[in-house]
Amino acid sequence: MGYMVNGVELETDNQGYLLEAEFDDAVVPVIAAAENITLGEDHWKVVRYLRDEYREHGHTPNFRNMLKGLAEEVMPGCDSKALYDLFPTGPAKQGAKVAGLPQPLGKGGY
């Protein structure tokens, strides 16, 4: 299974995560549609945050650190319910998938 973006098939693992990070914004709506997510501005805030964390650290944060970082830097007042409303199957993992990043390490990306 892969995602077709701009005429190019991007390779995925058996759970639908990209094997290589893809930072082209065109990938986000394609993966979001496959995950039955209708994108809004808050989804994009999370996507940008996760991509920045991946670029800086080589992996995405676990859920606790993700929530803390988003609430402090990107979405003041954000709580876990708000993130689960955006990414129902798990904000750290599903958020990374929609952002076009490889599968997080360990429990959500240590």
N, C-alpha and C. Protein backbone atom coordinates (compact mmCIF):
# COMPACT_ATOMS: atom_id res chain seq x y z
N MET A 1 0.84 -1.18 0.00
CA MET A 1 0.00 0.00 0.00
C MET A 1 0.88 1.24 0.00
N GLY A 2 0.54 2.20 -0.75
CA GLY A 2 1.24 3.46 -0.77
C GLY A 2 0.26 4.58 -1.01
N TYR A 3 0.74 5.79 -0.96
CA TYR A 3 -0.10 6.95 -1.24
C TYR A 3 0.38 7.56 -2.54
N MET A 4 -0.57 7.91 -3.41
CA MET A 4 -0.25 8.55 -4.66
C MET A 4 -0.35 10.06 -4.46
N VAL A 5 0.79 10.75 -4.59
CA VAL A 5 0.83 12.20 -4.39
C VAL A 5 1.55 12.81 -5.59
N ASN A 6 0.86 13.69 -6.28
CA ASN A 6 1.43 14.37 -7.46
C ASN A 6 2.02 13.37 -8.46
N GLY A 7 1.32 12.26 -8.67
CA GLY A 7 1.75 11.27 -9.65
C GLY A 7 2.87 10.35 -9.19
N VAL A 8 3.26 10.46 -7.93
CA VAL A 8 4.32 9.62 -7.38
C VAL A 8 3.75 8.78 -6.25
N GLU A 9 4.06 7.46 -6.28
CA GLU A 9 3.61 6.60 -5.19
C GLU A 9 4.65 6.60 -4.08
N LEU A 10 4.21 6.98 -2.89
CA LEU A 10 5.09 7.01 -1.73
C LEU A 10 4.95 5.69 -0.98
N GLU A 11 6.08 5.07 -0.66
CA GLU A 11 6.06 3.76 0.00
C GLU A 11 5.69 3.88 1.47
N THR A 12 4.94 2.88 1.92
CA THR A 12 4.52 2.84 3.32
C THR A 12 4.83 1.48 3.93
N ASP A 13 4.79 1.45 5.25
CA ASP A 13 4.88 0.16 5.93
C ASP A 13 3.49 -0.48 5.95
N ASN A 14 3.35 -1.60 6.62
CA ASN A 14 2.07 -2.32 6.60
C ASN A 14 0.98 -1.61 7.40
N GLN A 15 1.33 -0.56 8.14
CA GLN A 15 0.33 0.20 8.89
C GLN A 15 0.02 1.55 8.25
N GLY A 16 0.60 1.81 7.09
CA GLY A 16 0.30 3.03 6.36
C GLY A 16 1.17 4.23 6.68
N TYR A 17 2.25 4.01 7.42
CA TYR A 17 3.19 5.10 7.70
C TYR A 17 4.19 5.18 6.56
N LEU A 18 4.56 6.39 6.18
CA LEU A 18 5.59 6.53 5.15
C LEU A 18 6.91 5.97 5.65
N LEU A 19 7.65 5.34 4.76
CA LEU A 19 8.96 4.80 5.12
C LEU A 19 9.99 5.93 5.25
N GLU A 20 9.81 6.96 4.44
CA GLU A 20 10.69 8.13 4.48
C GLU A 20 9.82 9.36 4.73
N ALA A 21 10.29 10.27 5.56
CA ALA A 21 9.54 11.49 5.84
C ALA A 21 9.32 12.28 4.55
N GLU A 22 8.14 12.83 4.40
CA GLU A 22 7.80 13.64 3.24
C GLU A 22 7.22 14.96 3.76
N PHE A 23 7.89 16.07 3.46
CA PHE A 23 7.49 17.36 4.00
C PHE A 23 6.68 18.21 3.03
N ASP A 24 6.39 17.67 1.85
CA ASP A 24 5.53 18.37 0.89
C ASP A 24 4.11 18.40 1.47
N ASP A 25 3.52 19.58 1.57
CA ASP A 25 2.17 19.70 2.14
C ASP A 25 1.12 18.93 1.34
N ALA A 26 1.41 18.59 0.09
CA ALA A 26 0.44 17.86 -0.72
C ALA A 26 0.16 16.46 -0.17
N VAL A 27 1.07 15.92 0.62
CA VAL A 27 0.89 14.58 1.17
C VAL A 27 -0.15 14.56 2.29
N VAL A 28 -0.28 15.66 3.01
CA VAL A 28 -1.14 15.70 4.20
C VAL A 28 -2.61 15.42 3.86
N PRO A 29 -3.21 16.10 2.89
CA PRO A 29 -4.62 15.81 2.60
C PRO A 29 -4.85 14.38 2.09
N VAL A 30 -3.88 13.83 1.40
CA VAL A 30 -4.01 12.46 0.88
C VAL A 30 -4.07 11.46 2.04
N ILE A 31 -3.15 11.59 2.98
CA ILE A 31 -3.13 10.66 4.11
C ILE A 31 -4.31 10.93 5.03
N ALA A 32 -4.65 12.20 5.24
CA ALA A 32 -5.81 12.53 6.08
C ALA A 32 -7.09 11.90 5.52
N ALA A 33 -7.26 11.96 4.21
CA ALA A 33 -8.44 11.35 3.59
C ALA A 33 -8.46 9.85 3.84
N ALA A 34 -7.30 9.20 3.74
CA ALA A 34 -7.22 7.76 3.98
C ALA A 34 -7.53 7.43 5.44
N GLU A 35 -7.30 8.39 6.34
CA GLU A 35 -7.58 8.21 7.76
C GLU A 35 -8.97 8.73 8.15
N ASN A 36 -9.75 9.15 7.15
CA ASN A 36 -11.09 9.70 7.37
C ASN A 36 -11.07 10.95 8.26
N ILE A 37 -10.09 11.79 8.03
CA ILE A 37 -9.96 13.04 8.76
C ILE A 37 -10.19 14.20 7.80
N THR A 38 -11.08 15.11 8.19
CA THR A 38 -11.29 16.34 7.45
C THR A 38 -10.42 17.41 8.09
N LEU A 39 -9.45 17.88 7.33
CA LEU A 39 -8.45 18.81 7.87
C LEU A 39 -9.02 20.18 8.18
N GLY A 40 -8.60 20.71 9.32
CA GLY A 40 -8.89 22.08 9.72
C GLY A 40 -7.60 22.75 10.12
N GLU A 41 -7.67 24.01 10.51
CA GLU A 41 -6.47 24.76 10.87
C GLU A 41 -5.72 24.12 12.04
N ASP A 42 -6.45 23.59 13.02
CA ASP A 42 -5.77 22.97 14.16
C ASP A 42 -5.01 21.71 13.75
N HIS A 43 -5.53 20.97 12.77
CA HIS A 43 -4.79 19.80 12.26
C HIS A 43 -3.45 20.27 11.68
N TRP A 44 -3.49 21.37 10.92
CA TRP A 44 -2.26 21.87 10.30
C TRP A 44 -1.28 22.36 11.35
N LYS A 45 -1.76 22.94 12.44
CA LYS A 45 -0.87 23.36 13.53
C LYS A 45 -0.13 22.16 14.11
N VAL A 46 -0.87 21.07 14.31
CA VAL A 46 -0.25 19.85 14.85
C VAL A 46 0.74 19.28 13.84
N VAL A 47 0.35 19.24 12.57
CA VAL A 47 1.24 18.73 11.52
C VAL A 47 2.54 19.53 11.48
N ARG A 48 2.45 20.85 11.49
CA ARG A 48 3.66 21.69 11.46
C ARG A 48 4.52 21.46 12.70
N TYR A 49 3.87 21.35 13.86
CA TYR A 49 4.61 21.10 15.10
C TYR A 49 5.36 19.77 15.02
N LEU A 50 4.66 18.71 14.61
CA LEU A 50 5.30 17.39 14.55
C LEU A 50 6.43 17.37 13.53
N ARG A 51 6.23 18.02 12.40
CA ARG A 51 7.30 18.08 11.40
C ARG A 51 8.52 18.83 11.93
N ASP A 52 8.29 19.93 12.64
CA ASP A 52 9.41 20.69 13.21
C ASP A 52 10.16 19.85 14.23
N GLU A 53 9.41 19.13 15.08
CA GLU A 53 10.04 18.26 16.08
C GLU A 53 10.86 17.16 15.40
N TYR A 54 10.31 16.58 14.34
CA TYR A 54 11.00 15.51 13.62
C TYR A 54 12.30 16.04 13.00
N ARG A 55 12.21 17.22 12.38
CA ARG A 55 13.41 17.80 11.77
C ARG A 55 14.48 18.10 12.82
N GLU A 56 14.05 18.61 13.97
CA GLU A 56 15.00 19.01 15.00
C GLU A 56 15.59 17.83 15.77
N HIS A 57 14.77 16.81 16.05
CA HIS A 57 15.20 15.72 16.92
C HIS A 57 15.34 14.36 16.24
N GLY A 58 14.85 14.24 14.99
CA GLY A 58 14.95 12.97 14.29
C GLY A 58 13.84 12.00 14.63
N HIS A 59 12.90 12.43 15.46
CA HIS A 59 11.73 11.63 15.80
C HIS A 59 10.65 12.57 16.33
N THR A 60 9.45 12.04 16.47
CA THR A 60 8.36 12.84 17.02
C THR A 60 8.26 12.60 18.52
N PRO A 61 7.66 13.55 19.25
CA PRO A 61 7.56 13.39 20.70
C PRO A 61 6.50 12.37 21.09
N ASN A 62 6.64 11.83 22.30
CA ASN A 62 5.56 10.98 22.82
C ASN A 62 4.37 11.89 23.13
N PHE A 63 3.24 11.28 23.45
CA PHE A 63 2.02 12.06 23.62
C PHE A 63 2.16 13.13 24.71
N ARG A 64 2.72 12.77 25.83
CA ARG A 64 2.85 13.73 26.94
C ARG A 64 3.66 14.95 26.51
N ASN A 65 4.80 14.72 25.88
CA ASN A 65 5.63 15.84 25.43
C ASN A 65 4.97 16.61 24.30
N MET A 66 4.24 15.90 23.45
CA MET A 66 3.52 16.55 22.37
C MET A 66 2.47 17.50 22.94
N LEU A 67 1.68 17.02 23.89
CA LEU A 67 0.65 17.84 24.51
C LEU A 67 1.26 19.07 25.18
N LYS A 68 2.35 18.86 25.92
CA LYS A 68 3.02 19.96 26.60
C LYS A 68 3.54 20.99 25.60
N GLY A 69 4.21 20.52 24.56
CA GLY A 69 4.77 21.42 23.55
C GLY A 69 3.71 22.20 22.81
N LEU A 70 2.65 21.52 22.42
CA LEU A 70 1.57 22.20 21.71
C LEU A 70 0.89 23.23 22.60
N ALA A 71 0.61 22.86 23.85
CA ALA A 71 -0.09 23.76 24.77
C ALA A 71 0.75 24.98 25.11
N GLU A 72 2.06 24.82 25.17
CA GLU A 72 2.95 25.93 25.52
C GLU A 72 3.30 26.81 24.32
N GLU A 73 3.47 26.19 23.15
CA GLU A 73 4.04 26.91 22.02
C GLU A 73 3.06 27.22 20.89
N VAL A 74 2.11 26.33 20.65
CA VAL A 74 1.34 26.41 19.41
C VAL A 74 -0.15 26.65 19.62
N MET A 75 -0.72 25.92 20.56
CA MET A 75 -2.17 25.97 20.78
C MET A 75 -2.44 26.16 22.28
N PRO A 76 -2.27 27.38 22.80
CA PRO A 76 -2.46 27.61 24.23
C PRO A 76 -3.81 27.07 24.71
N GLY A 77 -3.77 26.39 25.85
CA GLY A 77 -4.99 25.83 26.41
C GLY A 77 -5.38 24.48 25.83
N CYS A 78 -4.61 23.99 24.89
CA CYS A 78 -4.89 22.69 24.28
C CYS A 78 -4.84 21.60 25.34
N ASP A 79 -5.77 20.66 25.25
CA ASP A 79 -5.76 19.52 26.18
C ASP A 79 -5.85 18.22 25.41
N SER A 80 -5.76 17.10 26.14
CA SER A 80 -5.75 15.80 25.46
C SER A 80 -7.05 15.55 24.71
N LYS A 81 -8.19 15.99 25.24
CA LYS A 81 -9.46 15.79 24.54
C LYS A 81 -9.45 16.49 23.19
N ALA A 82 -8.94 17.70 23.15
CA ALA A 82 -8.88 18.45 21.89
C ALA A 82 -8.02 17.71 20.87
N LEU A 83 -6.91 17.13 21.31
CA LEU A 83 -6.04 16.41 20.38
C LEU A 83 -6.69 15.11 19.91
N TYR A 84 -7.40 14.42 20.80
CA TYR A 84 -8.10 13.20 20.39
C TYR A 84 -9.28 13.52 19.48
N ASP A 85 -9.86 14.70 19.62
CA ASP A 85 -10.91 15.12 18.68
C ASP A 85 -10.33 15.29 17.28
N LEU A 86 -9.09 15.76 17.21
CA LEU A 86 -8.42 15.94 15.91
C LEU A 86 -7.94 14.63 15.32
N PHE A 87 -7.33 13.79 16.17
CA PHE A 87 -6.73 12.53 15.73
C PHE A 87 -7.25 11.40 16.63
N PRO A 88 -8.44 10.86 16.32
CA PRO A 88 -9.14 9.94 17.22
C PRO A 88 -8.43 8.64 17.55
N THR A 89 -7.57 8.15 16.68
CA THR A 89 -6.93 6.87 17.00
C THR A 89 -5.62 7.05 17.74
N GLY A 90 -5.29 8.29 18.10
CA GLY A 90 -4.08 8.56 18.88
C GLY A 90 -3.32 9.72 18.28
N PRO A 91 -3.32 10.87 18.95
CA PRO A 91 -2.68 12.06 18.39
C PRO A 91 -1.21 11.90 18.04
N ALA A 92 -0.43 11.23 18.87
CA ALA A 92 1.00 11.11 18.60
C ALA A 92 1.26 10.25 17.37
N LYS A 93 0.57 9.12 17.28
CA LYS A 93 0.81 8.21 16.15
C LYS A 93 0.06 8.64 14.90
N GLN A 94 -1.25 8.87 15.01
CA GLN A 94 -2.02 9.26 13.84
C GLN A 94 -1.59 10.64 13.34
N GLY A 95 -1.24 11.52 14.26
CA GLY A 95 -0.75 12.84 13.86
C GLY A 95 0.52 12.73 13.04
N ALA A 96 1.44 11.87 13.47
CA ALA A 96 2.68 11.66 12.73
C ALA A 96 2.40 11.07 11.35
N LYS A 97 1.45 10.14 11.29
CA LYS A 97 1.11 9.53 10.01
C LYS A 97 0.58 10.58 9.04
N VAL A 98 -0.38 11.38 9.51
CA VAL A 98 -0.97 12.41 8.65
C VAL A 98 0.06 13.47 8.26
N ALA A 99 1.02 13.72 9.14
CA ALA A 99 2.07 14.70 8.84
C ALA A 99 3.06 14.20 7.79
N GLY A 100 2.96 12.93 7.41
CA GLY A 100 3.86 12.38 6.40
C GLY A 100 5.19 11.94 6.98
N LEU A 101 5.16 11.51 8.25
CA LEU A 101 6.38 11.08 8.93
C LEU A 101 6.37 9.57 9.14
N PRO A 102 7.54 8.98 9.30
CA PRO A 102 7.60 7.54 9.58
C PRO A 102 6.93 7.21 10.91
N GLN A 103 6.66 5.94 11.12
CA GLN A 103 6.02 5.49 12.35
C GLN A 103 6.87 5.89 13.55
N PRO A 104 6.22 6.49 14.57
CA PRO A 104 6.96 6.87 15.78
C PRO A 104 7.59 5.66 16.46
N LEU A 105 8.66 5.90 17.16
CA LEU A 105 9.37 4.87 17.90
C LEU A 105 8.66 4.58 19.22
N GLY A 106 8.80 3.41 19.72
CA GLY A 106 8.30 3.07 21.05
C GLY A 106 6.85 3.46 21.27
N LYS A 107 6.58 4.02 22.44
CA LYS A 107 5.24 4.43 22.80
C LYS A 107 4.98 5.85 22.33
N GLY A 108 4.79 6.02 21.03
CA GLY A 108 4.48 7.35 20.52
C GLY A 108 5.67 8.20 20.18
N GLY A 109 6.87 7.67 20.25
CA GLY A 109 8.03 8.38 19.76
C GLY A 109 8.99 8.87 20.81
N TYR A 110 9.61 7.95 21.55
CA TYR A 110 10.63 8.37 22.51
C TYR A 110 11.92 8.64 21.81
